[in-house]
Amino acid sequence: MAKYKIKTHSGAKRRFYVTGRGKIMRRKCEINNSRRKKRGGTLRLFSGKLTVSKDHAKRIRKLMPYHT
């Protein structure tokens, strides 16, 4: 049994989430900046999520040790 628990990074748990298969997903950037001025088609592009690259995923998994 582990003696100490590792804390989850609070910024990482808000920005990333782990899918059922273990991929780390992120939101696209620059969505909050002047949303009123953007076309509807442009805003719909921001609704999707992107997977994080493999080298970044390693670093994020260290920040979120208990999220699969």
PDB file of N, CA and C in Angstrom:
ATOM      1  N   MET A   1       0.839  -1.187   0.000  1.00  0.00           N
ATOM      2  CA  MET A   1       0.000   0.000   0.000  1.00  0.00           C
ATOM      3  C   MET A   1       0.888   1.256   0.000  1.00  0.00           C
ATOM      4  N   ALA A   2       0.503   2.229  -0.786  1.00  0.00           N
ATOM      5  CA  ALA A   2       1.293   3.455  -0.890  1.00  0.00           C
ATOM      6  C   ALA A   2       1.182   4.260   0.398  1.00  0.00           C
ATOM      7  N   LYS A   3       2.289   4.854   0.764  1.00  0.00           N
ATOM      8  CA  LYS A   3       2.309   5.606   2.009  1.00  0.00           C
ATOM      9  C   LYS A   3       1.746   7.006   1.825  1.00  0.00           C
ATOM     10  N   TYR A   4       2.020   7.611   0.652  1.00  0.00           N
ATOM     11  CA  TYR A   4       1.569   8.975   0.407  1.00  0.00           C
ATOM     12  C   TYR A   4       0.731   9.036  -0.850  1.00  0.00           C
ATOM     13  N   LYS A   5      -0.208   9.952  -0.863  1.00  0.00           N
ATOM     14  CA  LYS A   5      -0.996  10.205  -2.064  1.00  0.00           C
ATOM     15  C   LYS A   5      -0.405  11.406  -2.789  1.00  0.00           C
ATOM     16  N   ILE A   6      -0.434  11.359  -4.112  1.00  0.00           N
ATOM     17  CA  ILE A   6       0.056  12.462  -4.924  1.00  0.00           C
ATOM     18  C   ILE A   6      -1.113  13.371  -5.242  1.00  0.00           C
ATOM     19  N   LYS A   7      -0.911  14.657  -5.111  1.00  0.00           N
ATOM     20  CA  LYS A   7      -1.994  15.593  -5.408  1.00  0.00           C
ATOM     21  C   LYS A   7      -2.158  15.769  -6.908  1.00  0.00           C
ATOM     22  N   THR A   8      -3.409  15.892  -7.338  1.00  0.00           N
ATOM     23  CA  THR A   8      -3.715  16.173  -8.733  1.00  0.00           C
ATOM     24  C   THR A   8      -3.566  17.666  -8.974  1.00  0.00           C
ATOM     25  N   HIS A   9      -2.949  18.026 -10.090  1.00  0.00           N
ATOM     26  CA  HIS A   9      -2.766  19.431 -10.448  1.00  0.00           C
ATOM     27  C   HIS A   9      -4.123  20.028 -10.790  1.00  0.00           C
ATOM     28  N   SER A  10      -4.515  21.074 -10.082  1.00  0.00           N
ATOM     29  CA  SER A  10      -5.879  21.599 -10.234  1.00  0.00           C
ATOM     30  C   SER A  10      -6.101  22.253 -11.587  1.00  0.00           C
ATOM     31  N   GLY A  11      -5.062  22.846 -12.176  1.00  0.00           N
ATOM     32  CA  GLY A  11      -5.206  23.434 -13.507  1.00  0.00           C
ATOM     33  C   GLY A  11      -5.363  22.378 -14.578  1.00  0.00           C
ATOM     34  N   ALA A  12      -4.656  21.270 -14.426  1.00  0.00           N
ATOM     35  CA  ALA A  12      -4.724  20.200 -15.417  1.00  0.00           C
ATOM     36  C   ALA A  12      -6.080  19.504 -15.380  1.00  0.00           C
ATOM     37  N   LYS A  13      -6.635  19.317 -14.201  1.00  0.00           N
ATOM     38  CA  LYS A  13      -7.915  18.605 -14.136  1.00  0.00           C
ATOM     39  C   LYS A  13      -9.050  19.439 -14.721  1.00  0.00           C
ATOM     40  N   ARG A  14      -8.892  20.769 -14.784  1.00  0.00           N
ATOM     41  CA  ARG A  14      -9.912  21.602 -15.411  1.00  0.00           C
ATOM     42  C   ARG A  14      -9.757  21.639 -16.932  1.00  0.00           C
ATOM     43  N   ARG A  15      -8.528  21.530 -17.411  1.00  0.00           N
ATOM     44  CA  ARG A  15      -8.264  21.734 -18.838  1.00  0.00           C
ATOM     45  C   ARG A  15      -8.285  20.458 -19.668  1.00  0.00           C
ATOM     46  N   PHE A  16      -8.030  19.320 -19.063  1.00  0.00           N
ATOM     47  CA  PHE A  16      -7.926  18.067 -19.808  1.00  0.00           C
ATOM     48  C   PHE A  16      -8.872  17.038 -19.221  1.00  0.00           C
ATOM     49  N   TYR A  17      -9.286  16.091 -20.069  1.00  0.00           N
ATOM     50  CA  TYR A  17     -10.018  14.959 -19.543  1.00  0.00           C
ATOM     51  C   TYR A  17      -9.606  13.704 -20.288  1.00  0.00           C
ATOM     52  N   VAL A  18      -9.786  12.564 -19.642  1.00  0.00           N
ATOM     53  CA  VAL A  18      -9.333  11.292 -20.168  1.00  0.00           C
ATOM     54  C   VAL A  18     -10.537  10.529 -20.670  1.00  0.00           C
ATOM     55  N   THR A  19     -10.448  10.004 -21.897  1.00  0.00           N
ATOM     56  CA  THR A  19     -11.539   9.223 -22.469  1.00  0.00           C
ATOM     57  C   THR A  19     -11.528   7.823 -21.878  1.00  0.00           C
ATOM     58  N   GLY A  20     -12.498   7.033 -22.244  1.00  0.00           N
ATOM     59  CA  GLY A  20     -12.577   5.661 -21.763  1.00  0.00           C
ATOM     60  C   GLY A  20     -11.420   4.806 -22.231  1.00  0.00           C
ATOM     61  N   ARG A  21     -10.867   5.122 -23.389  1.00  0.00           N
ATOM     62  CA  ARG A  21      -9.731   4.363 -23.914  1.00  0.00           C
ATOM     63  C   ARG A  21      -8.399   4.902 -23.440  1.00  0.00           C
ATOM     64  N   GLY A  22      -8.402   5.983 -22.644  1.00  0.00           N
ATOM     65  CA  GLY A  22      -7.167   6.498 -22.069  1.00  0.00           C
ATOM     66  C   GLY A  22      -6.547   7.666 -22.815  1.00  0.00           C
ATOM     67  N   LYS A  23      -7.194   8.154 -23.872  1.00  0.00           N
ATOM     68  CA  LYS A  23      -6.653   9.317 -24.571  1.00  0.00           C
ATOM     69  C   LYS A  23      -6.915  10.566 -23.743  1.00  0.00           C
ATOM     70  N   ILE A  24      -6.011  11.512 -23.829  1.00  0.00           N
ATOM     71  CA  ILE A  24      -6.194  12.784 -23.142  1.00  0.00           C
ATOM     72  C   ILE A  24      -6.681  13.792 -24.164  1.00  0.00           C
ATOM     73  N   MET A  25      -7.810  14.422 -23.875  1.00  0.00           N
ATOM     74  CA  MET A  25      -8.425  15.365 -24.794  1.00  0.00           C
ATOM     75  C   MET A  25      -8.295  16.776 -24.234  1.00  0.00           C
ATOM     76  N   ARG A  26      -8.279  17.753 -25.160  1.00  0.00           N
ATOM     77  CA  ARG A  26      -8.196  19.150 -24.767  1.00  0.00           C
ATOM     78  C   ARG A  26      -9.146  19.968 -25.615  1.00  0.00           C
ATOM     79  N   ARG A  27      -9.436  21.171 -25.153  1.00  0.00           N
ATOM     80  CA  ARG A  27     -10.291  22.100 -25.876  1.00  0.00           C
ATOM     81  C   ARG A  27      -9.442  22.936 -26.820  1.00  0.00           C
ATOM     82  N   LYS A  28     -10.012  23.422 -27.897  1.00  0.00           N
ATOM     83  CA  LYS A  28      -9.273  24.292 -28.804  1.00  0.00           C
ATOM     84  C   LYS A  28      -9.095  25.661 -28.153  1.00  0.00           C
ATOM     85  N   CYS A  29      -8.031  26.362 -28.571  1.00  0.00           N
ATOM     86  CA  CYS A  29      -7.716  27.643 -27.951  1.00  0.00           C
ATOM     87  C   CYS A  29      -8.421  28.796 -28.654  1.00  0.00           C
ATOM     88  N   GLU A  30      -8.389  29.958 -28.027  1.00  0.00           N
ATOM     89  CA  GLU A  30      -8.896  31.225 -28.553  1.00  0.00           C
ATOM     90  C   GLU A  30     -10.405  31.261 -28.766  1.00  0.00           C
ATOM     91  N   ILE A  31     -11.161  30.461 -28.032  1.00  0.00           N
ATOM     92  CA  ILE A  31     -12.616  30.476 -28.200  1.00  0.00           C
ATOM     93  C   ILE A  31     -13.249  31.615 -27.409  1.00  0.00           C
ATOM     94  N   ASN A  32     -12.672  31.984 -26.286  1.00  0.00           N
ATOM     95  CA  ASN A  32     -13.299  32.999 -25.448  1.00  0.00           C
ATOM     96  C   ASN A  32     -13.041  34.416 -25.933  1.00  0.00           C
ATOM     97  N   ASN A  33     -12.085  34.582 -26.826  1.00  0.00           N
ATOM     98  CA  ASN A  33     -11.720  35.927 -27.256  1.00  0.00           C
ATOM     99  C   ASN A  33     -12.692  36.416 -28.334  1.00  0.00           C
ATOM    100  N   SER A  34     -13.474  37.414 -27.997  1.00  0.00           N
ATOM    101  CA  SER A  34     -14.444  38.066 -28.896  1.00  0.00           C
ATOM    102  C   SER A  34     -15.308  37.060 -29.651  1.00  0.00           C
ATOM    103  N   ARG A  35     -16.062  36.300 -28.915  1.00  0.00           N
ATOM    104  CA  ARG A  35     -16.916  35.263 -29.482  1.00  0.00           C
ATOM    105  C   ARG A  35     -18.066  35.861 -30.295  1.00  0.00           C
ATOM    106  N   ARG A  36     -18.492  37.068 -29.937  1.00  0.00           N
ATOM    107  CA  ARG A  36     -19.623  37.698 -30.634  1.00  0.00           C
ATOM    108  C   ARG A  36     -19.283  38.025 -32.084  1.00  0.00           C
ATOM    109  N   LYS A  37     -18.012  38.297 -32.354  1.00  0.00           N
ATOM    110  CA  LYS A  37     -17.622  38.750 -33.687  1.00  0.00           C
ATOM    111  C   LYS A  37     -17.419  37.611 -34.674  1.00  0.00           C
ATOM    112  N   LYS A  38     -17.328  36.403 -34.190  1.00  0.00           N
ATOM    113  CA  LYS A  38     -16.993  35.296 -35.075  1.00  0.00           C
ATOM    114  C   LYS A  38     -18.244  34.746 -35.776  1.00  0.00           C
ATOM    115  N   ARG A  39     -18.054  34.214 -36.974  1.00  0.00           N
ATOM    116  CA  ARG A  39     -19.144  33.606 -37.726  1.00  0.00           C
ATOM    117  C   ARG A  39     -19.595  32.322 -37.040  1.00  0.00           C
ATOM    118  N   GLY A  40     -20.811  31.901 -37.339  1.00  0.00           N
ATOM    119  CA  GLY A  40     -21.317  30.664 -36.753  1.00  0.00           C
ATOM    120  C   GLY A  40     -20.509  29.458 -37.167  1.00  0.00           C
ATOM    121  N   GLY A  41     -20.087  29.435 -38.440  1.00  0.00           N
ATOM    122  CA  GLY A  41     -19.275  28.308 -38.897  1.00  0.00           C
ATOM    123  C   GLY A  41     -17.943  28.228 -38.184  1.00  0.00           C
ATOM    124  N   THR A  42     -17.371  29.360 -37.884  1.00  0.00           N
ATOM    125  CA  THR A  42     -16.110  29.390 -37.152  1.00  0.00           C
ATOM    126  C   THR A  42     -16.312  28.900 -35.724  1.00  0.00           C
ATOM    127  N   LEU A  43     -17.411  29.301 -35.111  1.00  0.00           N
ATOM    128  CA  LEU A  43     -17.677  28.875 -33.737  1.00  0.00           C
ATOM    129  C   LEU A  43     -17.937  27.383 -33.662  1.00  0.00           C
ATOM    130  N   ARG A  44     -18.552  26.813 -34.681  1.00  0.00           N
ATOM    131  CA  ARG A  44     -18.807  25.372 -34.659  1.00  0.00           C
ATOM    132  C   ARG A  44     -17.512  24.570 -34.745  1.00  0.00           C
ATOM    133  N   LEU A  45     -16.490  25.150 -35.353  1.00  0.00           N
ATOM    134  CA  LEU A  45     -15.199  24.467 -35.390  1.00  0.00           C
ATOM    135  C   LEU A  45     -14.588  24.332 -34.000  1.00  0.00           C
ATOM    136  N   PHE A  46     -14.903  25.276 -33.120  1.00  0.00           N
ATOM    137  CA  PHE A  46     -14.338  25.257 -31.777  1.00  0.00           C
ATOM    138  C   PHE A  46     -15.042  24.270 -30.856  1.00  0.00           C
ATOM    139  N   SER A  47     -16.190  23.742 -31.261  1.00  0.00           N
ATOM    140  CA  SER A  47     -16.947  22.884 -30.355  1.00  0.00           C
ATOM    141  C   SER A  47     -16.291  21.517 -30.178  1.00  0.00           C
ATOM    142  N   GLY A  48     -15.502  21.073 -31.165  1.00  0.00           N
ATOM    143  CA  GLY A  48     -14.871  19.768 -31.068  1.00  0.00           C
ATOM    144  C   GLY A  48     -13.687  19.755 -30.122  1.00  0.00           C
ATOM    145  N   LYS A  49     -13.302  18.576 -29.709  1.00  0.00           N
ATOM    146  CA  LYS A  49     -12.139  18.404 -28.844  1.00  0.00           C
ATOM    147  C   LYS A  49     -10.999  17.803 -29.654  1.00  0.00           C
ATOM    148  N   LEU A  50      -9.780  18.036 -29.220  1.00  0.00           N
ATOM    149  CA  LEU A  50      -8.588  17.513 -29.880  1.00  0.00           C
ATOM    150  C   LEU A  50      -7.837  16.604 -28.925  1.00  0.00           C
ATOM    151  N   THR A  51      -7.145  15.621 -29.485  1.00  0.00           N
ATOM    152  CA  THR A  51      -6.304  14.782 -28.640  1.00  0.00           C
ATOM    153  C   THR A  51      -4.963  15.479 -28.428  1.00  0.00           C
ATOM    154  N   VAL A  52      -4.374  15.224 -27.301  1.00  0.00           N
ATOM    155  CA  VAL A  52      -3.079  15.802 -26.950  1.00  0.00           C
ATOM    156  C   VAL A  52      -1.994  14.934 -27.566  1.00  0.00           C
ATOM    157  N   SER A  53      -0.896  15.527 -28.020  1.00  0.00           N
ATOM    158  CA  SER A  53       0.194  14.757 -28.613  1.00  0.00           C
ATOM    159  C   SER A  53       0.826  13.842 -27.558  1.00  0.00           C
ATOM    160  N   LYS A  54       1.533  12.816 -28.021  1.00  0.00           N
ATOM    161  CA  LYS A  54       2.037  11.779 -27.119  1.00  0.00           C
ATOM    162  C   LYS A  54       3.031  12.321 -26.094  1.00  0.00           C
ATOM    163  N   ASP A  55       3.921  13.224 -26.536  1.00  0.00           N
ATOM    164  CA  ASP A  55       4.908  13.730 -25.585  1.00  0.00           C
ATOM    165  C   ASP A  55       4.280  14.634 -24.539  1.00  0.00           C
ATOM    166  N   HIS A  56       3.253  15.394 -24.909  1.00  0.00           N
ATOM    167  CA  HIS A  56       2.541  16.200 -23.917  1.00  0.00           C
ATOM    168  C   HIS A  56       1.691  15.319 -23.005  1.00  0.00           C
ATOM    169  N   ALA A  57       1.165  14.237 -23.552  1.00  0.00           N
ATOM    170  CA  ALA A  57       0.314  13.346 -22.758  1.00  0.00           C
ATOM    171  C   ALA A  57       1.088  12.741 -21.594  1.00  0.00           C
ATOM    172  N   LYS A  58       2.366  12.422 -21.795  1.00  0.00           N
ATOM    173  CA  LYS A  58       3.182  11.887 -20.704  1.00  0.00           C
ATOM    174  C   LYS A  58       3.273  12.877 -19.551  1.00  0.00           C
ATOM    175  N   ARG A  59       3.485  14.137 -19.898  1.00  0.00           N
ATOM    176  CA  ARG A  59       3.618  15.169 -18.861  1.00  0.00           C
ATOM    177  C   ARG A  59       2.295  15.384 -18.139  1.00  0.00           C
ATOM    178  N   ILE A  60       1.194  15.324 -18.877  1.00  0.00           N
ATOM    179  CA  ILE A  60      -0.115  15.558 -18.268  1.00  0.00           C
ATOM    180  C   ILE A  60      -0.498  14.401 -17.359  1.00  0.00           C
ATOM    181  N   ARG A  61      -0.123  13.183 -17.735  1.00  0.00           N
ATOM    182  CA  ARG A  61      -0.435  12.031 -16.880  1.00  0.00           C
ATOM    183  C   ARG A  61       0.268  12.130 -15.524  1.00  0.00           C
ATOM    184  N   LYS A  62       1.447  12.749 -15.492  1.00  0.00           N
ATOM    185  CA  LYS A  62       2.129  12.941 -14.210  1.00  0.00           C
ATOM    186  C   LYS A  62       1.393  13.958 -13.351  1.00  0.00           C
ATOM    187  N   LEU A  63       0.737  14.924 -13.994  1.00  0.00           N
ATOM    188  CA  LEU A  63      -0.010  15.921 -13.235  1.00  0.00           C
ATOM    189  C   LEU A  63      -1.344  15.373 -12.736  1.00  0.00           C
ATOM    190  N   MET A  64      -1.888  14.363 -13.444  1.00  0.00           N
ATOM    191  CA  MET A  64      -3.166  13.771 -13.056  1.00  0.00           C
ATOM    192  C   MET A  64      -2.962  12.266 -12.818  1.00  0.00           C
ATOM    193  N   PRO A  65      -2.393  11.883 -11.692  1.00  0.00           N
ATOM    194  CA  PRO A  65      -1.995  10.481 -11.502  1.00  0.00           C
ATOM    195  C   PRO A  65      -3.163   9.515 -11.328  1.00  0.00           C
ATOM    196  N   TYR A  66      -4.313   9.972 -10.884  1.00  0.00           N
ATOM    197  CA  TYR A  66      -5.423   9.055 -10.600  1.00  0.00           C
ATOM    198  C   TYR A  66      -6.516   9.075 -11.655  1.00  0.00           C
ATOM    199  N   HIS A  67      -6.234   9.708 -12.796  1.00  0.00           N
ATOM    200  CA  HIS A  67      -7.210   9.758 -13.888  1.00  0.00           C
ATOM    201  C   HIS A  67      -6.796   8.777 -14.972  1.00  0.00           C
ATOM    202  N   THR A  68      -6.859   7.520 -14.691  1.00  0.00           N
ATOM    203  CA  THR A  68      -6.535   6.396 -15.572  1.00  0.00           C
ATOM    204  C   THR A  68      -5.174   6.446 -16.197  1.00  0.00           C
TER     205      THR A  68
END
